[in-house]
């Protein structure tokens, strides 16, 4: 989830329509300082790192169980060495 999406999730207003919410929060996001935005960026980055770890574990499990068709094709491709 992007840092802005996390910000929207935390600050949405159920009394407003989706369009009103997005417009309001877009403007509010633009007014945040870089320091204030960093909170959301750090959470987003941590979530992405956790996702990658969990996905790698799941894909390894699927391969071990003989279900490579469930794994992303880029995971199945052999990695090229630096000398290639």
PDB file of N, CA and C in Angstrom:
ATOM      1  N   UNK A   1       0.849  -1.165   0.000  1.00  0.00           N
ATOM      2  CA  UNK A   1       0.000   0.000   0.000  1.00  0.00           C
ATOM      3  C   UNK A   1       0.905   1.242   0.000  1.00  0.00           C
ATOM      4  N   UNK A   2       0.565   2.188  -0.823  1.00  0.00           N
ATOM      5  CA  UNK A   2       1.381   3.401  -0.908  1.00  0.00           C
ATOM      6  C   UNK A   2       1.230   4.250   0.351  1.00  0.00           C
ATOM      7  N   UNK A   3       2.167   5.158   0.532  1.00  0.00           N
ATOM      8  CA  UNK A   3       2.116   6.033   1.704  1.00  0.00           C
ATOM      9  C   UNK A   3       0.845   6.893   1.677  1.00  0.00           C
ATOM     10  N   UNK A   4       0.455   7.363   0.503  1.00  0.00           N
ATOM     11  CA  UNK A   4      -0.763   8.167   0.404  1.00  0.00           C
ATOM     12  C   UNK A   4      -1.999   7.329   0.718  1.00  0.00           C
ATOM     13  N   UNK A   5      -2.027   6.092   0.261  1.00  0.00           N
ATOM     14  CA  UNK A   5      -3.161   5.213   0.544  1.00  0.00           C
ATOM     15  C   UNK A   5      -3.279   4.952   2.041  1.00  0.00           C
ATOM     16  N   UNK A   6      -2.158   4.764   2.710  1.00  0.00           N
ATOM     17  CA  UNK A   6      -2.180   4.602   4.171  1.00  0.00           C
ATOM     18  C   UNK A   6      -2.731   5.850   4.847  1.00  0.00           C
ATOM     19  N   UNK A   7      -2.299   7.011   4.369  1.00  0.00           N
ATOM     20  CA  UNK A   7      -2.791   8.287   4.901  1.00  0.00           C
ATOM     21  C   UNK A   7      -4.301   8.401   4.702  1.00  0.00           C
ATOM     22  N   UNK A   8      -4.765   8.029   3.507  1.00  0.00           N
ATOM     23  CA  UNK A   8      -6.207   8.088   3.224  1.00  0.00           C
ATOM     24  C   UNK A   8      -6.979   7.141   4.132  1.00  0.00           C
ATOM     25  N   UNK A   9      -6.457   5.946   4.309  1.00  0.00           N
ATOM     26  CA  UNK A   9      -7.133   4.951   5.144  1.00  0.00           C
ATOM     27  C   UNK A   9      -7.269   5.456   6.583  1.00  0.00           C
ATOM     28  N   UNK A  10      -6.231   6.104   7.066  1.00  0.00           N
ATOM     29  CA  UNK A  10      -6.222   6.601   8.438  1.00  0.00           C
ATOM     30  C   UNK A  10      -7.110   7.834   8.625  1.00  0.00           C
ATOM     31  N   UNK A  11      -7.289   8.612   7.572  1.00  0.00           N
ATOM     32  CA  UNK A  11      -7.960   9.903   7.706  1.00  0.00           C
ATOM     33  C   UNK A  11      -9.283  10.024   6.957  1.00  0.00           C
ATOM     34  N   UNK A  12      -9.805   8.936   6.448  1.00  0.00           N
ATOM     35  CA  UNK A  12     -11.053   9.036   5.675  1.00  0.00           C
ATOM     36  C   UNK A  12     -12.224   9.456   6.570  1.00  0.00           C
ATOM     37  N   UNK A  13     -13.230  10.003   5.922  1.00  0.00           N
ATOM     38  CA  UNK A  13     -14.424  10.483   6.620  1.00  0.00           C
ATOM     39  C   UNK A  13     -15.622   9.774   5.990  1.00  0.00           C
ATOM     40  N   UNK A  14     -16.293   8.940   6.756  1.00  0.00           N
ATOM     41  CA  UNK A  14     -17.425   8.173   6.235  1.00  0.00           C
ATOM     42  C   UNK A  14     -18.618   9.054   5.868  1.00  0.00           C
ATOM     43  N   UNK A  15     -18.627  10.283   6.333  1.00  0.00           N
ATOM     44  CA  UNK A  15     -19.739  11.180   6.032  1.00  0.00           C
ATOM     45  C   UNK A  15     -19.608  11.831   4.658  1.00  0.00           C
ATOM     46  N   UNK A  16     -18.461  11.647   4.016  1.00  0.00           N
ATOM     47  CA  UNK A  16     -18.228  12.243   2.705  1.00  0.00           C
ATOM     48  C   UNK A  16     -18.246  11.161   1.635  1.00  0.00           C
ATOM     49  N   UNK A  17     -18.534  11.576   0.409  1.00  0.00           N
ATOM     50  CA  UNK A  17     -18.482  10.641  -0.710  1.00  0.00           C
ATOM     51  C   UNK A  17     -17.013  10.310  -1.005  1.00  0.00           C
ATOM     52  N   UNK A  18     -16.807   9.283  -1.786  1.00  0.00           N
ATOM     53  CA  UNK A  18     -15.447   8.881  -2.149  1.00  0.00           C
ATOM     54  C   UNK A  18     -14.712  10.025  -2.832  1.00  0.00           C
ATOM     55  N   UNK A  19     -15.374  10.667  -3.767  1.00  0.00           N
ATOM     56  CA  UNK A  19     -14.738  11.768  -4.501  1.00  0.00           C
ATOM     57  C   UNK A  19     -14.401  12.920  -3.563  1.00  0.00           C
ATOM     58  N   UNK A  20     -15.334  13.260  -2.676  1.00  0.00           N
ATOM     59  CA  UNK A  20     -15.072  14.344  -1.706  1.00  0.00           C
ATOM     60  C   UNK A  20     -13.895  13.976  -0.801  1.00  0.00           C
ATOM     61  N   UNK A  21     -13.867  12.721  -0.353  1.00  0.00           N
ATOM     62  CA  UNK A  21     -12.770  12.263   0.497  1.00  0.00           C
ATOM     63  C   UNK A  21     -11.430  12.366  -0.210  1.00  0.00           C
ATOM     64  N   UNK A  22     -11.372  11.875  -1.423  1.00  0.00           N
ATOM     65  CA  UNK A  22     -10.111  11.887  -2.166  1.00  0.00           C
ATOM     66  C   UNK A  22      -9.633  13.313  -2.386  1.00  0.00           C
ATOM     67  N   UNK A  23     -10.522  14.180  -2.783  1.00  0.00           N
ATOM     68  CA  UNK A  23     -10.133  15.581  -3.012  1.00  0.00           C
ATOM     69  C   UNK A  23      -9.639  16.241  -1.724  1.00  0.00           C
ATOM     70  N   UNK A  24     -10.398  16.039  -0.657  1.00  0.00           N
ATOM     71  CA  UNK A  24     -10.014  16.635   0.625  1.00  0.00           C
ATOM     72  C   UNK A  24      -8.661  16.095   1.100  1.00  0.00           C
ATOM     73  N   UNK A  25      -8.504  14.785   1.034  1.00  0.00           N
ATOM     74  CA  UNK A  25      -7.267  14.183   1.533  1.00  0.00           C
ATOM     75  C   UNK A  25      -6.076  14.459   0.620  1.00  0.00           C
ATOM     76  N   UNK A  26      -6.326  14.606  -0.669  1.00  0.00           N
ATOM     77  CA  UNK A  26      -5.256  14.990  -1.593  1.00  0.00           C
ATOM     78  C   UNK A  26      -4.700  16.358  -1.198  1.00  0.00           C
ATOM     79  N   UNK A  27      -5.612  17.280  -0.912  1.00  0.00           N
ATOM     80  CA  UNK A  27      -5.192  18.627  -0.517  1.00  0.00           C
ATOM     81  C   UNK A  27      -4.486  18.602   0.841  1.00  0.00           C
ATOM     82  N   UNK A  28      -5.029  17.817   1.755  1.00  0.00           N
ATOM     83  CA  UNK A  28      -4.427  17.702   3.086  1.00  0.00           C
ATOM     84  C   UNK A  28      -3.031  17.089   2.992  1.00  0.00           C
ATOM     85  N   UNK A  29      -2.874  16.067   2.138  1.00  0.00           N
ATOM     86  CA  UNK A  29      -1.575  15.410   1.935  1.00  0.00           C
ATOM     87  C   UNK A  29      -0.561  16.417   1.385  1.00  0.00           C
ATOM     88  N   UNK A  30      -0.997  17.227   0.448  1.00  0.00           N
ATOM     89  CA  UNK A  30      -0.112  18.222  -0.167  1.00  0.00           C
ATOM     90  C   UNK A  30       0.381  19.235   0.859  1.00  0.00           C
ATOM     91  N   UNK A  31      -0.405  19.466   1.906  1.00  0.00           N
ATOM     92  CA  UNK A  31      -0.027  20.432   2.938  1.00  0.00           C
ATOM     93  C   UNK A  31       0.874  19.837   4.023  1.00  0.00           C
ATOM     94  N   UNK A  32       0.967  18.515   4.062  1.00  0.00           N
ATOM     95  CA  UNK A  32       1.818  17.889   5.078  1.00  0.00           C
ATOM     96  C   UNK A  32       3.283  18.189   4.794  1.00  0.00           C
ATOM     97  N   UNK A  33       4.045  18.310   5.846  1.00  0.00           N
ATOM     98  CA  UNK A  33       5.488  18.490   5.677  1.00  0.00           C
ATOM     99  C   UNK A  33       6.102  17.150   5.292  1.00  0.00           C
ATOM    100  N   UNK A  34       7.319  17.176   4.799  1.00  0.00           N
ATOM    101  CA  UNK A  34       8.024  15.940   4.455  1.00  0.00           C
ATOM    102  C   UNK A  34       8.224  15.069   5.694  1.00  0.00           C
ATOM    103  N   UNK A  35       8.413  15.695   6.836  1.00  0.00           N
ATOM    104  CA  UNK A  35       8.578  14.948   8.095  1.00  0.00           C
ATOM    105  C   UNK A  35       7.284  14.200   8.427  1.00  0.00           C
ATOM    106  N   UNK A  36       6.149  14.863   8.254  1.00  0.00           N
ATOM    107  CA  UNK A  36       4.863  14.219   8.530  1.00  0.00           C
ATOM    108  C   UNK A  36       4.584  13.081   7.541  1.00  0.00           C
ATOM    109  N   UNK A  37       4.966  13.260   6.287  1.00  0.00           N
ATOM    110  CA  UNK A  37       4.768  12.224   5.269  1.00  0.00           C
ATOM    111  C   UNK A  37       5.672  11.019   5.511  1.00  0.00           C
ATOM    112  N   UNK A  38       6.814  11.267   6.115  1.00  0.00           N
ATOM    113  CA  UNK A  38       7.788  10.192   6.335  1.00  0.00           C
ATOM    114  C   UNK A  38       7.193   9.050   7.160  1.00  0.00           C
ATOM    115  N   UNK A  39       6.333   9.357   8.101  1.00  0.00           N
ATOM    116  CA  UNK A  39       5.661   8.327   8.910  1.00  0.00           C
ATOM    117  C   UNK A  39       4.976   7.308   8.002  1.00  0.00           C
ATOM    118  N   UNK A  40       4.237   7.802   7.026  1.00  0.00           N
ATOM    119  CA  UNK A  40       3.496   6.934   6.117  1.00  0.00           C
ATOM    120  C   UNK A  40       4.435   6.212   5.153  1.00  0.00           C
ATOM    121  N   UNK A  41       5.498   6.886   4.744  1.00  0.00           N
ATOM    122  CA  UNK A  41       6.478   6.247   3.853  1.00  0.00           C
ATOM    123  C   UNK A  41       7.177   5.079   4.546  1.00  0.00           C
ATOM    124  N   UNK A  42       7.510   5.272   5.808  1.00  0.00           N
ATOM    125  CA  UNK A  42       8.184   4.210   6.560  1.00  0.00           C
ATOM    126  C   UNK A  42       7.264   3.002   6.741  1.00  0.00           C
ATOM    127  N   UNK A  43       6.006   3.246   7.067  1.00  0.00           N
ATOM    128  CA  UNK A  43       5.048   2.154   7.230  1.00  0.00           C
ATOM    129  C   UNK A  43       4.877   1.423   5.902  1.00  0.00           C
ATOM    130  N   UNK A  44       4.754   2.173   4.827  1.00  0.00           N
ATOM    131  CA  UNK A  44       4.579   1.580   3.504  1.00  0.00           C
ATOM    132  C   UNK A  44       5.784   0.713   3.131  1.00  0.00           C
ATOM    133  N   UNK A  45       6.971   1.225   3.392  1.00  0.00           N
ATOM    134  CA  UNK A  45       8.191   0.474   3.086  1.00  0.00           C
ATOM    135  C   UNK A  45       8.272  -0.799   3.938  1.00  0.00           C
ATOM    136  N   UNK A  46       7.961  -0.687   5.208  1.00  0.00           N
ATOM    137  CA  UNK A  46       7.991  -1.851   6.099  1.00  0.00           C
ATOM    138  C   UNK A  46       6.972  -2.902   5.645  1.00  0.00           C
ATOM    139  N   UNK A  47       5.789  -2.455   5.257  1.00  0.00           N
ATOM    140  CA  UNK A  47       4.768  -3.374   4.758  1.00  0.00           C
ATOM    141  C   UNK A  47       5.232  -4.091   3.493  1.00  0.00           C
ATOM    142  N   UNK A  48       5.893  -3.365   2.593  1.00  0.00           N
ATOM    143  CA  UNK A  48       6.375  -3.969   1.350  1.00  0.00           C
ATOM    144  C   UNK A  48       7.458  -4.998   1.633  1.00  0.00           C
ATOM    145  N   UNK A  49       8.353  -4.693   2.555  1.00  0.00           N
ATOM    146  CA  UNK A  49       9.409  -5.645   2.914  1.00  0.00           C
ATOM    147  C   UNK A  49       8.809  -6.909   3.519  1.00  0.00           C
ATOM    148  N   UNK A  50       7.808  -6.752   4.362  1.00  0.00           N
ATOM    149  CA  UNK A  50       7.132  -7.896   4.973  1.00  0.00           C
ATOM    150  C   UNK A  50       6.413  -8.721   3.896  1.00  0.00           C
ATOM    151  N   UNK A  51       5.778  -8.060   2.965  1.00  0.00           N
ATOM    152  CA  UNK A  51       5.091  -8.743   1.869  1.00  0.00           C
ATOM    153  C   UNK A  51       6.077  -9.586   1.062  1.00  0.00           C
ATOM    154  N   UNK A  52       7.235  -9.012   0.743  1.00  0.00           N
ATOM    155  CA  UNK A  52       8.225  -9.733  -0.056  1.00  0.00           C
ATOM    156  C   UNK A  52       8.726 -10.984   0.661  1.00  0.00           C
ATOM    157  N   UNK A  53       8.954 -10.876   1.966  1.00  0.00           N
ATOM    158  CA  UNK A  53       9.399 -12.027   2.757  1.00  0.00           C
ATOM    159  C   UNK A  53       8.320 -13.104   2.767  1.00  0.00           C
ATOM    160  N   UNK A  54       7.095 -12.701   3.035  1.00  0.00           N
ATOM    161  CA  UNK A  54       5.988 -13.660   3.090  1.00  0.00           C
ATOM    162  C   UNK A  54       5.737 -14.304   1.727  1.00  0.00           C
ATOM    163  N   UNK A  55       5.855 -13.521   0.656  1.00  0.00           N
ATOM    164  CA  UNK A  55       5.650 -14.060  -0.692  1.00  0.00           C
ATOM    165  C   UNK A  55       6.746 -15.066  -1.037  1.00  0.00           C
ATOM    166  N   UNK A  56       7.977 -14.766  -0.676  1.00  0.00           N
ATOM    167  CA  UNK A  56       9.075 -15.692  -0.952  1.00  0.00           C
ATOM    168  C   UNK A  56       8.869 -17.014  -0.212  1.00  0.00           C
ATOM    169  N   UNK A  57       8.439 -16.939   1.033  1.00  0.00           N
ATOM    170  CA  UNK A  57       8.164 -18.162   1.800  1.00  0.00           C
ATOM    171  C   UNK A  57       7.048 -18.965   1.160  1.00  0.00           C
ATOM    172  N   UNK A  58       5.978 -18.286   0.774  1.00  0.00           N
ATOM    173  CA  UNK A  58       4.829 -18.961   0.175  1.00  0.00           C
ATOM    174  C   UNK A  58       5.222 -19.612  -1.146  1.00  0.00           C
ATOM    175  N   UNK A  59       5.967 -18.882  -1.969  1.00  0.00           N
ATOM    176  CA  UNK A  59       6.377 -19.433  -3.263  1.00  0.00           C
ATOM    177  C   UNK A  59       7.287 -20.648  -3.076  1.00  0.00           C
ATOM    178  N   UNK A  60       8.196 -20.580  -2.122  1.00  0.00           N
ATOM    179  CA  UNK A  60       9.067 -21.725  -1.839  1.00  0.00           C
ATOM    180  C   UNK A  60       8.233 -22.927  -1.401  1.00  0.00           C
ATOM    181  N   UNK A  61       7.217 -22.677  -0.608  1.00  0.00           N
ATOM    182  CA  UNK A  61       6.341 -23.753  -0.148  1.00  0.00           C
ATOM    183  C   UNK A  61       5.570 -24.350  -1.328  1.00  0.00           C
ATOM    184  N   UNK A  62       5.068 -23.514  -2.212  1.00  0.00           N
ATOM    185  CA  UNK A  62       4.325 -24.009  -3.373  1.00  0.00           C
ATOM    186  C   UNK A  62       5.214 -24.855  -4.276  1.00  0.00           C
ATOM    187  N   UNK A  63       6.454 -24.438  -4.468  1.00  0.00           N
ATOM    188  CA  UNK A  63       7.400 -25.208  -5.280  1.00  0.00           C
ATOM    189  C   UNK A  63       7.699 -26.540  -4.607  1.00  0.00           C
ATOM    190  N   UNK A  64       7.927 -26.508  -3.292  1.00  0.00           N
ATOM    191  CA  UNK A  64       8.210 -27.738  -2.543  1.00  0.00           C
ATOM    192  C   UNK A  64       7.037 -28.708  -2.596  1.00  0.00           C
ATOM    193  N   UNK A  65       5.822 -28.189  -2.669  1.00  0.00           N
ATOM    194  CA  UNK A  65       4.626 -29.022  -2.731  1.00  0.00           C
ATOM    195  C   UNK A  65       4.289 -29.456  -4.155  1.00  0.00           C
ATOM    196  N   UNK A  66       5.150 -29.094  -5.113  1.00  0.00           N
ATOM    197  CA  UNK A  66       4.911 -29.487  -6.502  1.00  0.00           C
ATOM    198  C   UNK A  66       3.846 -28.660  -7.191  1.00  0.00           C
ATOM    199  N   UNK A  67       3.695 -27.410  -6.782  1.00  0.00           N
ATOM    200  CA  UNK A  67       2.685 -26.527  -7.379  1.00  0.00           C
ATOM    201  C   UNK A  67       3.325 -25.275  -7.994  1.00  0.00           C
ATOM    202  N   UNK A  68       4.315 -25.460  -8.859  1.00  0.00           N
ATOM    203  CA  UNK A  68       5.003 -24.286  -9.421  1.00  0.00           C
ATOM    204  C   UNK A  68       4.098 -23.421 -10.290  1.00  0.00           C
ATOM    205  N   UNK A  69       2.972 -23.955 -10.757  1.00  0.00           N
ATOM    206  CA  UNK A  69       2.043 -23.174 -11.580  1.00  0.00           C
ATOM    207  C   UNK A  69       1.398 -22.035 -10.783  1.00  0.00           C
ATOM    208  N   UNK A  70       1.499 -22.083  -9.462  1.00  0.00           N
ATOM    209  CA  UNK A  70       0.945 -21.026  -8.618  1.00  0.00           C
ATOM    210  C   UNK A  70       1.950 -19.911  -8.323  1.00  0.00           C
ATOM    211  N   UNK A  71       3.173 -20.111  -8.771  1.00  0.00           N
ATOM    212  CA  UNK A  71       4.267 -19.191  -8.458  1.00  0.00           C
ATOM    213  C   UNK A  71       4.480 -18.233  -9.629  1.00  0.00           C
ATOM    214  N   UNK A  72       4.845 -17.002  -9.307  1.00  0.00           N
ATOM    215  CA  UNK A  72       5.128 -16.014 -10.354  1.00  0.00           C
ATOM    216  C   UNK A  72       6.250 -16.515 -11.258  1.00  0.00           C
ATOM    217  N   UNK A  73       6.150 -16.249 -12.533  1.00  0.00           N
ATOM    218  CA  UNK A  73       7.141 -16.742 -13.487  1.00  0.00           C
ATOM    219  C   UNK A  73       8.530 -16.187 -13.209  1.00  0.00           C
ATOM    220  N   UNK A  74       8.621 -14.961 -12.722  1.00  0.00           N
ATOM    221  CA  UNK A  74       9.943 -14.390 -12.450  1.00  0.00           C
ATOM    222  C   UNK A  74      10.655 -15.131 -11.319  1.00  0.00           C
ATOM    223  N   UNK A  75       9.908 -15.768 -10.446  1.00  0.00           N
ATOM    224  CA  UNK A  75      10.505 -16.541  -9.362  1.00  0.00           C
ATOM    225  C   UNK A  75      11.102 -17.830  -9.899  1.00  0.00           C
ATOM    226  N   UNK A  76      10.509 -18.377 -10.932  1.00  0.00           N
ATOM    227  CA  UNK A  76      10.962 -19.641 -11.493  1.00  0.00           C
ATOM    228  C   UNK A  76      12.164 -19.488 -12.415  1.00  0.00           C
ATOM    229  N   UNK A  77      12.380 -18.290 -12.939  1.00  0.00           N
ATOM    230  CA  UNK A  77      13.502 -18.052 -13.865  1.00  0.00           C
ATOM    231  C   UNK A  77      14.808 -18.139 -13.088  1.00  0.00           C
ATOM    232  N   UNK A  78      15.815 -18.814 -13.672  1.00  0.00           N
ATOM    233  CA  UNK A  78      17.120 -18.849 -12.997  1.00  0.00           C
ATOM    234  C   UNK A  78      17.737 -17.449 -12.991  1.00  0.00           C
ATOM    235  N   UNK A  79      18.349 -17.120 -11.885  1.00  0.00           N
ATOM    236  CA  UNK A  79      18.972 -15.799 -11.741  1.00  0.00           C
ATOM    237  C   UNK A  79      20.304 -15.788 -12.475  1.00  0.00           C
ATOM    238  N   UNK A  80      20.550 -14.706 -13.214  1.00  0.00           N
ATOM    239  CA  UNK A  80      21.793 -14.560 -13.951  1.00  0.00           C
ATOM    240  C   UNK A  80      22.884 -14.056 -13.022  1.00  0.00           C
ATOM    241  N   UNK A  81      24.055 -14.593 -13.193  1.00  0.00           N
ATOM    242  CA  UNK A  81      25.195 -14.139 -12.404  1.00  0.00           C
ATOM    243  C   UNK A  81      25.743 -12.833 -12.955  1.00  0.00           C
ATOM    244  N   UNK A  82      26.577 -12.193 -12.188  1.00  0.00           N
ATOM    245  CA  UNK A  82      27.141 -10.924 -12.604  1.00  0.00           C
ATOM    246  C   UNK A  82      28.072 -11.075 -13.808  1.00  0.00           C
ATOM    247  N   UNK A  83      28.622 -12.268 -13.982  1.00  0.00           N
ATOM    248  CA  UNK A  83      29.571 -12.483 -15.073  1.00  0.00           C
ATOM    249  C   UNK A  83      28.867 -12.658 -16.406  1.00  0.00           C
ATOM    250  N   UNK A  84      27.555 -12.842 -16.407  1.00  0.00           N
ATOM    251  CA  UNK A  84      26.828 -13.052 -17.664  1.00  0.00           C
ATOM    252  C   UNK A  84      26.419 -11.760 -18.301  1.00  0.00           C
TER     253      UNK A  84
END
